[in-house]
Amino acid sequence: PVGGTYVLTVTAKRLAFSPRVISVSDEATNINLVANV
């Protein structure tokens, strides 16, 4: 649904990711999720 705010979290073996908060107003297909250094 457009207009909402969402939290993206990632679980992957031997990697850690910080949660990412996004607000969706249009198509968002370039939300890249990068593991912490």
Full PDB file with SEQRES, HELIX, SHEET, SSBOND, CRYST1, ORIGX, SCALE, CONECT and MASTER records, all heavy atoms in Angstrom:
SEQRES   1 A   37  PRO VAL GLY GLY THR TYR VAL LEU THR VAL THR ALA LYS          
SEQRES   2 A   37  ARG LEU ALA PHE SER PRO ARG VAL ILE SER VAL SER ASP          
SEQRES   3 A   37  GLU ALA THR ASN ILE ASN LEU VAL ALA ASN VAL                  
SHEET    1 AA1 2 THR A   5  LEU A   8  0                                        
SHEET    2 AA1 2 ARG A  20  SER A  23 -1                                        
CRYST1    1.000    1.000    1.000  90.00  90.00  90.00 P 1           1          
ORIGX1      1.000000  0.000000  0.000000        0.00000                         
ORIGX2      0.000000  1.000000  0.000000        0.00000                         
ORIGX3      0.000000  0.000000  1.000000        0.00000                         
SCALE1      1.000000  0.000000  0.000000        0.00000                         
SCALE2      0.000000  1.000000  0.000000        0.00000                         
SCALE3      0.000000  0.000000  1.000000        0.00000                         
ATOM      1  N   PRO A   1       0.815  -1.215   0.000  1.00  0.00           N  
ATOM      2  CA  PRO A   1       0.000   0.000   0.000  1.00  0.00           C  
ATOM      3  C   PRO A   1       0.849   1.267   0.000  1.00  0.00           C  
ATOM      4  O   PRO A   1       1.810   1.384   0.776  1.00  0.00           O  
ATOM      5  CB  PRO A   1      -0.817  -0.123   1.295  1.00  0.00           C  
ATOM      6  CG  PRO A   1      -0.890  -1.590   1.548  1.00  0.00           C  
ATOM      7  CD  PRO A   1       0.448  -2.127   1.102  1.00  0.00           C  
ATOM      8  N   VAL A   2       0.507   2.176  -0.900  1.00  0.00           N  
ATOM      9  CA  VAL A   2       1.211   3.452  -0.984  1.00  0.00           C  
ATOM     10  C   VAL A   2       0.827   4.328   0.211  1.00  0.00           C  
ATOM     11  O   VAL A   2      -0.300   4.301   0.680  1.00  0.00           O  
ATOM     12  CB  VAL A   2       0.867   4.157  -2.307  1.00  0.00           C  
ATOM     13  CG1 VAL A   2       1.372   5.586  -2.328  1.00  0.00           C  
ATOM     14  CG2 VAL A   2       1.430   3.371  -3.483  1.00  0.00           C  
ATOM     15  N   GLY A   3       1.788   5.109   0.677  1.00  0.00           N  
ATOM     16  CA  GLY A   3       1.531   6.042   1.766  1.00  0.00           C  
ATOM     17  C   GLY A   3       1.944   5.537   3.131  1.00  0.00           C  
ATOM     18  O   GLY A   3       1.856   6.272   4.119  1.00  0.00           O  
ATOM     19  N   GLY A   4       2.407   4.291   3.203  1.00  0.00           N  
ATOM     20  CA  GLY A   4       2.786   3.712   4.492  1.00  0.00           C  
ATOM     21  C   GLY A   4       4.274   3.829   4.775  1.00  0.00           C  
ATOM     22  O   GLY A   4       5.092   4.119   3.903  1.00  0.00           O  
ATOM     23  N   THR A   5       4.600   3.628   6.034  1.00  0.00           N  
ATOM     24  CA  THR A   5       5.996   3.568   6.474  1.00  0.00           C  
ATOM     25  C   THR A   5       6.284   2.142   6.920  1.00  0.00           C  
ATOM     26  O   THR A   5       5.473   1.528   7.633  1.00  0.00           O  
ATOM     27  CB  THR A   5       6.251   4.550   7.631  1.00  0.00           C  
ATOM     28  OG1 THR A   5       5.994   5.883   7.165  1.00  0.00           O  
ATOM     29  CG2 THR A   5       7.697   4.466   8.104  1.00  0.00           C  
ATOM     30  N   TYR A   6       7.425   1.608   6.495  1.00  0.00           N  
ATOM     31  CA  TYR A   6       7.740   0.202   6.725  1.00  0.00           C  
ATOM     32  C   TYR A   6       9.160   0.055   7.240  1.00  0.00           C  
ATOM     33  O   TYR A   6      10.034   0.881   6.938  1.00  0.00           O  
ATOM     34  CB  TYR A   6       7.579  -0.585   5.419  1.00  0.00           C  
ATOM     35  CG  TYR A   6       6.214  -0.438   4.796  1.00  0.00           C  
ATOM     36  CD1 TYR A   6       5.950   0.586   3.892  1.00  0.00           C  
ATOM     37  CD2 TYR A   6       5.179  -1.301   5.130  1.00  0.00           C  
ATOM     38  CE1 TYR A   6       4.698   0.747   3.338  1.00  0.00           C  
ATOM     39  CE2 TYR A   6       3.917  -1.151   4.576  1.00  0.00           C  
ATOM     40  CZ  TYR A   6       3.682  -0.123   3.677  1.00  0.00           C  
ATOM     41  OH  TYR A   6       2.434   0.029   3.139  1.00  0.00           O  
ATOM     42  N   VAL A   7       9.373  -1.012   8.008  1.00  0.00           N  
ATOM     43  CA  VAL A   7      10.704  -1.355   8.492  1.00  0.00           C  
ATOM     44  C   VAL A   7      11.156  -2.630   7.791  1.00  0.00           C  
ATOM     45  O   VAL A   7      10.440  -3.640   7.801  1.00  0.00           O  
ATOM     46  CB  VAL A   7      10.720  -1.562  10.020  1.00  0.00           C  
ATOM     47  CG1 VAL A   7      12.125  -1.953  10.484  1.00  0.00           C  
ATOM     48  CG2 VAL A   7      10.250  -0.302  10.734  1.00  0.00           C  
ATOM     49  N   LEU A   8      12.339  -2.572   7.168  1.00  0.00           N  
ATOM     50  CA  LEU A   8      12.916  -3.732   6.501  1.00  0.00           C  
ATOM     51  C   LEU A   8      14.041  -4.290   7.366  1.00  0.00           C  
ATOM     52  O   LEU A   8      14.949  -3.548   7.778  1.00  0.00           O  
ATOM     53  CB  LEU A   8      13.475  -3.344   5.138  1.00  0.00           C  
ATOM     54  CG  LEU A   8      12.459  -2.842   4.097  1.00  0.00           C  
ATOM     55  CD1 LEU A   8      13.179  -2.372   2.842  1.00  0.00           C  
ATOM     56  CD2 LEU A   8      11.447  -3.927   3.752  1.00  0.00           C  
ATOM     57  N   THR A   9      13.969  -5.576   7.642  1.00  0.00           N  
ATOM     58  CA  THR A   9      15.036  -6.254   8.381  1.00  0.00           C  
ATOM     59  C   THR A   9      15.505  -7.448   7.571  1.00  0.00           C  
ATOM     60  O   THR A   9      14.732  -8.039   6.795  1.00  0.00           O  
ATOM     61  CB  THR A   9      14.556  -6.716   9.765  1.00  0.00           C  
ATOM     62  OG1 THR A   9      13.402  -7.558   9.616  1.00  0.00           O  
ATOM     63  CG2 THR A   9      14.186  -5.527  10.649  1.00  0.00           C  
ATOM     64  N   VAL A  10      16.788  -7.799   7.739  1.00  0.00           N  
ATOM     65  CA  VAL A  10      17.392  -8.880   6.953  1.00  0.00           C  
ATOM     66  C   VAL A  10      18.052  -9.885   7.886  1.00  0.00           C  
ATOM     67  O   VAL A  10      18.767  -9.506   8.831  1.00  0.00           O  
ATOM     68  CB  VAL A  10      18.437  -8.332   5.963  1.00  0.00           C  
ATOM     69  CG1 VAL A  10      19.000  -9.473   5.112  1.00  0.00           C  
ATOM     70  CG2 VAL A  10      17.841  -7.253   5.074  1.00  0.00           C  
ATOM     71  N   THR A  11      17.823 -11.155   7.611  1.00  0.00           N  
ATOM     72  CA  THR A  11      18.510 -12.239   8.306  1.00  0.00           C  
ATOM     73  C   THR A  11      19.279 -13.047   7.266  1.00  0.00           C  
ATOM     74  O   THR A  11      18.698 -13.532   6.288  1.00  0.00           O  
ATOM     75  CB  THR A  11      17.508 -13.154   9.034  1.00  0.00           C  
ATOM     76  OG1 THR A  11      16.743 -12.386   9.952  1.00  0.00           O  
ATOM     77  CG2 THR A  11      18.238 -14.253   9.778  1.00  0.00           C  
ATOM     78  N   ALA A  12      20.599 -13.145   7.458  1.00  0.00           N  
ATOM     79  CA  ALA A  12      21.438 -13.907   6.527  1.00  0.00           C  
ATOM     80  C   ALA A  12      22.590 -14.543   7.300  1.00  0.00           C  
ATOM     81  O   ALA A  12      23.101 -13.969   8.265  1.00  0.00           O  
ATOM     82  CB  ALA A  12      21.978 -13.000   5.420  1.00  0.00           C  
ATOM     83  N   LYS A  13      22.998 -15.719   6.878  1.00  0.00           N  
ATOM     84  CA  LYS A  13      24.045 -16.461   7.570  1.00  0.00           C  
ATOM     85  C   LYS A  13      25.352 -15.678   7.590  1.00  0.00           C  
ATOM     86  O   LYS A  13      25.828 -15.214   6.557  1.00  0.00           O  
ATOM     87  CB  LYS A  13      24.240 -17.813   6.886  1.00  0.00           C  
ATOM     88  CG  LYS A  13      25.148 -18.766   7.644  1.00  0.00           C  
ATOM     89  CD  LYS A  13      25.194 -20.119   6.967  1.00  0.00           C  
ATOM     90  CE  LYS A  13      26.062 -21.094   7.743  1.00  0.00           C  
ATOM     91  NZ  LYS A  13      26.111 -22.419   7.085  1.00  0.00           N  
ATOM     92  N   ARG A  14      25.929 -15.505   8.822  1.00  0.00           N  
ATOM     93  CA  ARG A  14      27.212 -14.864   9.069  1.00  0.00           C  
ATOM     94  C   ARG A  14      27.254 -13.383   8.685  1.00  0.00           C  
ATOM     95  O   ARG A  14      28.316 -12.793   8.560  1.00  0.00           O  
ATOM     96  CB  ARG A  14      28.352 -15.618   8.360  1.00  0.00           C  
ATOM     97  CG  ARG A  14      28.583 -17.029   8.907  1.00  0.00           C  
ATOM     98  CD  ARG A  14      29.838 -17.659   8.322  1.00  0.00           C  
ATOM     99  NE  ARG A  14      29.739 -17.804   6.872  1.00  0.00           N  
ATOM    100  CZ  ARG A  14      29.141 -18.832   6.282  1.00  0.00           C  
ATOM    101  NH1 ARG A  14      28.591 -19.801   7.004  1.00  0.00           N  
ATOM    102  NH2 ARG A  14      29.117 -18.916   4.967  1.00  0.00           N  
ATOM    103  N   LEU A  15      26.060 -12.769   8.483  1.00  0.00           N  
ATOM    104  CA  LEU A  15      25.993 -11.341   8.169  1.00  0.00           C  
ATOM    105  C   LEU A  15      25.005 -10.655   9.095  1.00  0.00           C  
ATOM    106  O   LEU A  15      24.023 -11.273   9.540  1.00  0.00           O  
ATOM    107  CB  LEU A  15      25.560 -11.120   6.714  1.00  0.00           C  
ATOM    108  CG  LEU A  15      26.504 -11.627   5.615  1.00  0.00           C  
ATOM    109  CD1 LEU A  15      25.825 -11.514   4.257  1.00  0.00           C  
ATOM    110  CD2 LEU A  15      27.820 -10.849   5.638  1.00  0.00           C  
ATOM    111  N   ALA A  16      25.258  -9.405   9.372  1.00  0.00           N  
ATOM    112  CA  ALA A  16      24.344  -8.615  10.194  1.00  0.00           C  
ATOM    113  C   ALA A  16      23.932  -7.361   9.428  1.00  0.00           C  
ATOM    114  O   ALA A  16      24.751  -6.739   8.726  1.00  0.00           O  
ATOM    115  CB  ALA A  16      25.004  -8.225  11.505  1.00  0.00           C  
ATOM    116  N   PHE A  17      22.662  -7.004   9.549  1.00  0.00           N  
ATOM    117  CA  PHE A  17      22.114  -5.840   8.853  1.00  0.00           C  
ATOM    118  C   PHE A  17      21.381  -4.958   9.863  1.00  0.00           C  
ATOM    119  O   PHE A  17      20.703  -5.460  10.763  1.00  0.00           O  
ATOM    120  CB  PHE A  17      21.112  -6.272   7.778  1.00  0.00           C  
ATOM    121  CG  PHE A  17      21.707  -7.032   6.634  1.00  0.00           C  
ATOM    122  CD1 PHE A  17      22.049  -8.376   6.779  1.00  0.00           C  
ATOM    123  CD2 PHE A  17      21.912  -6.420   5.413  1.00  0.00           C  
ATOM    124  CE1 PHE A  17      22.577  -9.089   5.718  1.00  0.00           C  
ATOM    125  CE2 PHE A  17      22.449  -7.129   4.346  1.00  0.00           C  
ATOM    126  CZ  PHE A  17      22.785  -8.465   4.491  1.00  0.00           C  
ATOM    127  N   SER A  18      21.510  -3.666   9.701  1.00  0.00           N  
ATOM    128  CA  SER A  18      20.736  -2.741  10.522  1.00  0.00           C  
ATOM    129  C   SER A  18      19.343  -2.591   9.923  1.00  0.00           C  
ATOM    130  O   SER A  18      19.197  -2.583   8.683  1.00  0.00           O  
ATOM    131  CB  SER A  18      21.415  -1.370  10.578  1.00  0.00           C  
ATOM    132  OG  SER A  18      22.688  -1.466  11.177  1.00  0.00           O  
ATOM    133  N   PRO A  19      18.299  -2.460  10.738  1.00  0.00           N  
ATOM    134  CA  PRO A  19      16.953  -2.241  10.198  1.00  0.00           C  
ATOM    135  C   PRO A  19      16.919  -0.957   9.357  1.00  0.00           C  
ATOM    136  O   PRO A  19      17.620   0.010   9.642  1.00  0.00           O  
ATOM    137  CB  PRO A  19      16.076  -2.112  11.442  1.00  0.00           C  
ATOM    138  CG  PRO A  19      16.862  -2.786  12.526  1.00  0.00           C  
ATOM    139  CD  PRO A  19      18.306  -2.531  12.210  1.00  0.00           C  
ATOM    140  N   ARG A  20      16.090  -0.974   8.333  1.00  0.00           N  
ATOM    141  CA  ARG A  20      15.960   0.208   7.478  1.00  0.00           C  
ATOM    142  C   ARG A  20      14.503   0.630   7.421  1.00  0.00           C  
ATOM    143  O   ARG A  20      13.617  -0.196   7.170  1.00  0.00           O  
ATOM    144  CB  ARG A  20      16.471  -0.093   6.073  1.00  0.00           C  
ATOM    145  CG  ARG A  20      16.377   1.105   5.142  1.00  0.00           C  
ATOM    146  CD  ARG A  20      17.243   0.941   3.937  1.00  0.00           C  
ATOM    147  NE  ARG A  20      17.113   2.071   3.032  1.00  0.00           N  
ATOM    148  CZ  ARG A  20      17.723   2.148   1.862  1.00  0.00           C  
ATOM    149  NH1 ARG A  20      18.531   1.160   1.464  1.00  0.00           N  
ATOM    150  NH2 ARG A  20      17.561   3.200   1.084  1.00  0.00           N  
ATOM    151  N   VAL A  21      14.262   1.919   7.667  1.00  0.00           N  
ATOM    152  CA  VAL A  21      12.904   2.466   7.650  1.00  0.00           C  
ATOM    153  C   VAL A  21      12.697   3.180   6.319  1.00  0.00           C  
ATOM    154  O   VAL A  21      13.522   4.014   5.907  1.00  0.00           O  
ATOM    155  CB  VAL A  21      12.687   3.444   8.820  1.00  0.00           C  
ATOM    156  CG1 VAL A  21      11.267   4.019   8.759  1.00  0.00           C  
ATOM    157  CG2 VAL A  21      12.929   2.741  10.152  1.00  0.00           C  
ATOM    158  N   ILE A  22      11.591   2.846   5.639  1.00  0.00           N  
ATOM    159  CA  ILE A  22      11.285   3.490   4.364  1.00  0.00           C  
ATOM    160  C   ILE A  22       9.836   3.995   4.379  1.00  0.00           C  
ATOM    161  O   ILE A  22       8.973   3.427   5.044  1.00  0.00           O  
ATOM    162  CB  ILE A  22      11.478   2.527   3.167  1.00  0.00           C  
ATOM    163  CG1 ILE A  22      10.542   1.320   3.281  1.00  0.00           C  
ATOM    164  CG2 ILE A  22      12.927   2.085   3.072  1.00  0.00           C  
ATOM    165  CD1 ILE A  22      10.503   0.460   2.029  1.00  0.00           C  
ATOM    166  N   SER A  23       9.600   5.074   3.650  1.00  0.00           N  
ATOM    167  CA  SER A  23       8.246   5.573   3.402  1.00  0.00           C  
ATOM    168  C   SER A  23       7.958   5.386   1.923  1.00  0.00           C  
ATOM    169  O   SER A  23       8.762   5.794   1.076  1.00  0.00           O  
ATOM    170  CB  SER A  23       8.127   7.056   3.785  1.00  0.00           C  
ATOM    171  OG  SER A  23       8.310   7.224   5.175  1.00  0.00           O  
ATOM    172  N   VAL A  24       6.822   4.777   1.609  1.00  0.00           N  
ATOM    173  CA  VAL A  24       6.510   4.400   0.234  1.00  0.00           C  
ATOM    174  C   VAL A  24       5.478   5.363  -0.341  1.00  0.00           C  
ATOM    175  O   VAL A  24       4.348   5.433   0.144  1.00  0.00           O  
ATOM    176  CB  VAL A  24       5.978   2.957   0.162  1.00  0.00           C  
ATOM    177  CG1 VAL A  24       5.575   2.602  -1.269  1.00  0.00           C  
ATOM    178  CG2 VAL A  24       7.031   1.987   0.667  1.00  0.00           C  
ATOM    179  N   SER A  25       5.891   6.119  -1.367  1.00  0.00           N  
ATOM    180  CA  SER A  25       4.975   7.022  -2.055  1.00  0.00           C  
ATOM    181  C   SER A  25       4.828   6.659  -3.526  1.00  0.00           C  
ATOM    182  O   SER A  25       3.948   7.160  -4.218  1.00  0.00           O  
ATOM    183  CB  SER A  25       5.464   8.473  -1.940  1.00  0.00           C  
ATOM    184  OG  SER A  25       6.753   8.616  -2.495  1.00  0.00           O  
ATOM    185  N   ASP A  26       5.695   5.795  -4.010  1.00  0.00           N  
ATOM    186  CA  ASP A  26       5.677   5.365  -5.409  1.00  0.00           C  
ATOM    187  C   ASP A  26       6.456   4.051  -5.496  1.00  0.00           C  
ATOM    188  O   ASP A  26       6.948   3.552  -4.478  1.00  0.00           O  
ATOM    189  CB  ASP A  26       6.306   6.432  -6.296  1.00  0.00           C  
ATOM    190  CG  ASP A  26       5.837   6.328  -7.750  1.00  0.00           C  
ATOM    191  OD1 ASP A  26       5.252   5.285  -8.107  1.00  0.00           O  
ATOM    192  OD2 ASP A  26       6.057   7.290  -8.508  1.00  0.00           O  
ATOM    193  N   GLU A  27       6.575   3.516  -6.689  1.00  0.00           N  
ATOM    194  CA  GLU A  27       7.333   2.280  -6.843  1.00  0.00           C  
ATOM    195  C   GLU A  27       8.754   2.471  -6.310  1.00  0.00           C  
ATOM    196  O   GLU A  27       9.409   3.471  -6.588  1.00  0.00           O  
ATOM    197  CB  GLU A  27       7.387   1.860  -8.305  1.00  0.00           C  
ATOM    198  CG  GLU A  27       8.054   0.508  -8.501  1.00  0.00           C  
ATOM    199  CD  GLU A  27       8.010   0.039  -9.943  1.00  0.00           C  
ATOM    200  OE1 GLU A  27       8.680   0.667 -10.772  1.00  0.00           O  
ATOM    201  OE2 GLU A  27       7.296  -0.938 -10.214  1.00  0.00           O  
ATOM    202  N   ALA A  28       9.216   1.532  -5.507  1.00  0.00           N  
ATOM    203  CA  ALA A  28      10.540   1.629  -4.883  1.00  0.00           C  
ATOM    204  C   ALA A  28      11.259   0.301  -5.068  1.00  0.00           C  
ATOM    205  O   ALA A  28      11.240  -0.566  -4.193  1.00  0.00           O  
ATOM    206  CB  ALA A  28      10.406   1.962  -3.397  1.00  0.00           C  
ATOM    207  N   THR A  29      11.885   0.140  -6.229  1.00  0.00           N  
ATOM    208  CA  THR A  29      12.547  -1.133  -6.546  1.00  0.00           C  
ATOM    209  C   THR A  29      14.065  -1.002  -6.518  1.00  0.00           C  
ATOM    210  O   THR A  29      14.764  -1.833  -7.103  1.00  0.00           O  
ATOM    211  CB  THR A  29      12.085  -1.648  -7.922  1.00  0.00           C  
ATOM    212  OG1 THR A  29      12.277  -0.620  -8.895  1.00  0.00           O  
ATOM    213  CG2 THR A  29      10.615  -2.044  -7.885  1.00  0.00           C  
ATOM    214  N   ASN A  30      14.546   0.038  -5.858  1.00  0.00           N  
ATOM    215  CA  ASN A  30      16.003   0.222  -5.726  1.00  0.00           C  
ATOM    216  C   ASN A  30      16.405   0.390  -4.265  1.00  0.00           C  
ATOM    217  O   ASN A  30      17.337   1.118  -3.947  1.00  0.00           O  
ATOM    218  CB  ASN A  30      16.470   1.428  -6.553  1.00  0.00           C  
ATOM    219  CG  ASN A  30      15.799   2.725  -6.115  1.00  0.00           C  
ATOM    220  OD1 ASN A  30      14.822   2.697  -5.367  1.00  0.00           O  
ATOM    221  ND2 ASN A  30      16.312   3.851  -6.583  1.00  0.00           N  
ATOM    222  N   ILE A  31      15.653  -0.296  -3.390  1.00  0.00           N  
ATOM    223  CA  ILE A  31      15.975  -0.258  -1.967  1.00  0.00           C  
ATOM    224  C   ILE A  31      16.998  -1.357  -1.695  1.00  0.00           C  
ATOM    225  O   ILE A  31      16.643  -2.511  -1.412  1.00  0.00           O  
ATOM    226  CB  ILE A  31      14.713  -0.452  -1.092  1.00  0.00           C  
ATOM    227  CG1 ILE A  31      13.618   0.544  -1.498  1.00  0.00           C  
ATOM    228  CG2 ILE A  31      15.069  -0.286   0.379  1.00  0.00           C  
ATOM    229  CD1 ILE A  31      13.997   1.997  -1.329  1.00  0.00           C  
ATOM    230  N   ASN A  32      18.268  -1.016  -1.827  1.00  0.00           N  
ATOM    231  CA  ASN A  32      19.333  -2.000  -1.647  1.00  0.00           C  
ATOM    232  C   ASN A  32      19.697  -2.116  -0.172  1.00  0.00           C  
ATOM    233  O   ASN A  32      19.823  -1.104   0.534  1.00  0.00           O  
ATOM    234  CB  ASN A  32      20.559  -1.605  -2.464  1.00  0.00           C  
ATOM    235  CG  ASN A  32      20.253  -1.573  -3.960  1.00  0.00           C  
ATOM    236  OD1 ASN A  32      19.364  -2.290  -4.431  1.00  0.00           O  
ATOM    237  ND2 ASN A  32      20.971  -0.752  -4.694  1.00  0.00           N  
ATOM    238  N   LEU A  33      19.852  -3.339   0.294  1.00  0.00           N  
ATOM    239  CA  LEU A  33      20.117  -3.631   1.704  1.00  0.00           C  
ATOM    240  C   LEU A  33      21.544  -4.157   1.825  1.00  0.00           C  
ATOM    241  O   LEU A  33      21.860  -5.223   1.295  1.00  0.00           O  
ATOM    242  CB  LEU A  33      19.101  -4.641   2.230  1.00  0.00           C  
ATOM    243  CG  LEU A  33      17.626  -4.220   2.042  1.00  0.00           C  
ATOM    244  CD1 LEU A  33      16.690  -5.343   2.457  1.00  0.00           C  
ATOM    245  CD2 LEU A  33      17.330  -2.952   2.836  1.00  0.00           C  
ATOM    246  N   VAL A  34      22.386  -3.391   2.504  1.00  0.00           N  
ATOM    247  CA  VAL A  34      23.821  -3.678   2.565  1.00  0.00           C  
ATOM    248  C   VAL A  34      24.200  -4.102   3.981  1.00  0.00           C  
ATOM    249  O   VAL A  34      23.813  -3.446   4.963  1.00  0.00           O  
ATOM    250  CB  VAL A  34      24.645  -2.454   2.136  1.00  0.00           C  
ATOM    251  CG1 VAL A  34      26.138  -2.776   2.157  1.00  0.00           C  
ATOM    252  CG2 VAL A  34      24.220  -1.990   0.738  1.00  0.00           C  
ATOM    253  N   ALA A  35      24.933  -5.195   4.079  1.00  0.00           N  
ATOM    254  CA  ALA A  35      25.356  -5.693   5.395  1.00  0.00           C  
ATOM    255  C   ALA A  35      26.309  -4.699   6.059  1.00  0.00           C  
ATOM    256  O   ALA A  35      27.012  -3.922   5.399  1.00  0.00           O  
ATOM    257  CB  ALA A  35      26.041  -7.044   5.242  1.00  0.00           C  
ATOM    258  N   ASN A  36      26.340  -4.725   7.386  1.00  0.00           N  
ATOM    259  CA  ASN A  36      27.267  -3.886   8.132  1.00  0.00           C  
ATOM    260  C   ASN A  36      28.706  -4.286   7.811  1.00  0.00           C  
ATOM    261  O   ASN A  36      28.995  -5.449   7.510  1.00  0.00           O  
ATOM    262  CB  ASN A  36      27.016  -4.016   9.631  1.00  0.00           C  
ATOM    263  CG  ASN A  36      25.599  -3.572  10.006  1.00  0.00           C  
ATOM    264  OD1 ASN A  36      24.981  -2.772   9.291  1.00  0.00           O  
ATOM    265  ND2 ASN A  36      25.089  -4.107  11.101  1.00  0.00           N  
ATOM    266  N   VAL A  37      29.631  -3.326   7.920  1.00  0.00           N  
ATOM    267  CA  VAL A  37      31.043  -3.613   7.640  1.00  0.00           C  
ATOM    268  C   VAL A  37      31.558  -4.680   8.567  1.00  0.00           C  
ATOM    269  O   VAL A  37      32.188  -5.669   8.163  1.00  0.00           O  
ATOM    270  CB  VAL A  37      31.893  -2.331   7.748  1.00  0.00           C  
ATOM    271  CG1 VAL A  37      33.370  -2.666   7.601  1.00  0.00           C  
ATOM    272  CG2 VAL A  37      31.466  -1.309   6.712  1.00  0.00           C  
TER     273      VAL A  37                                                      
MASTER        0    0    0    0    2    0    0    6  272    1    0    3          
END                                                                             
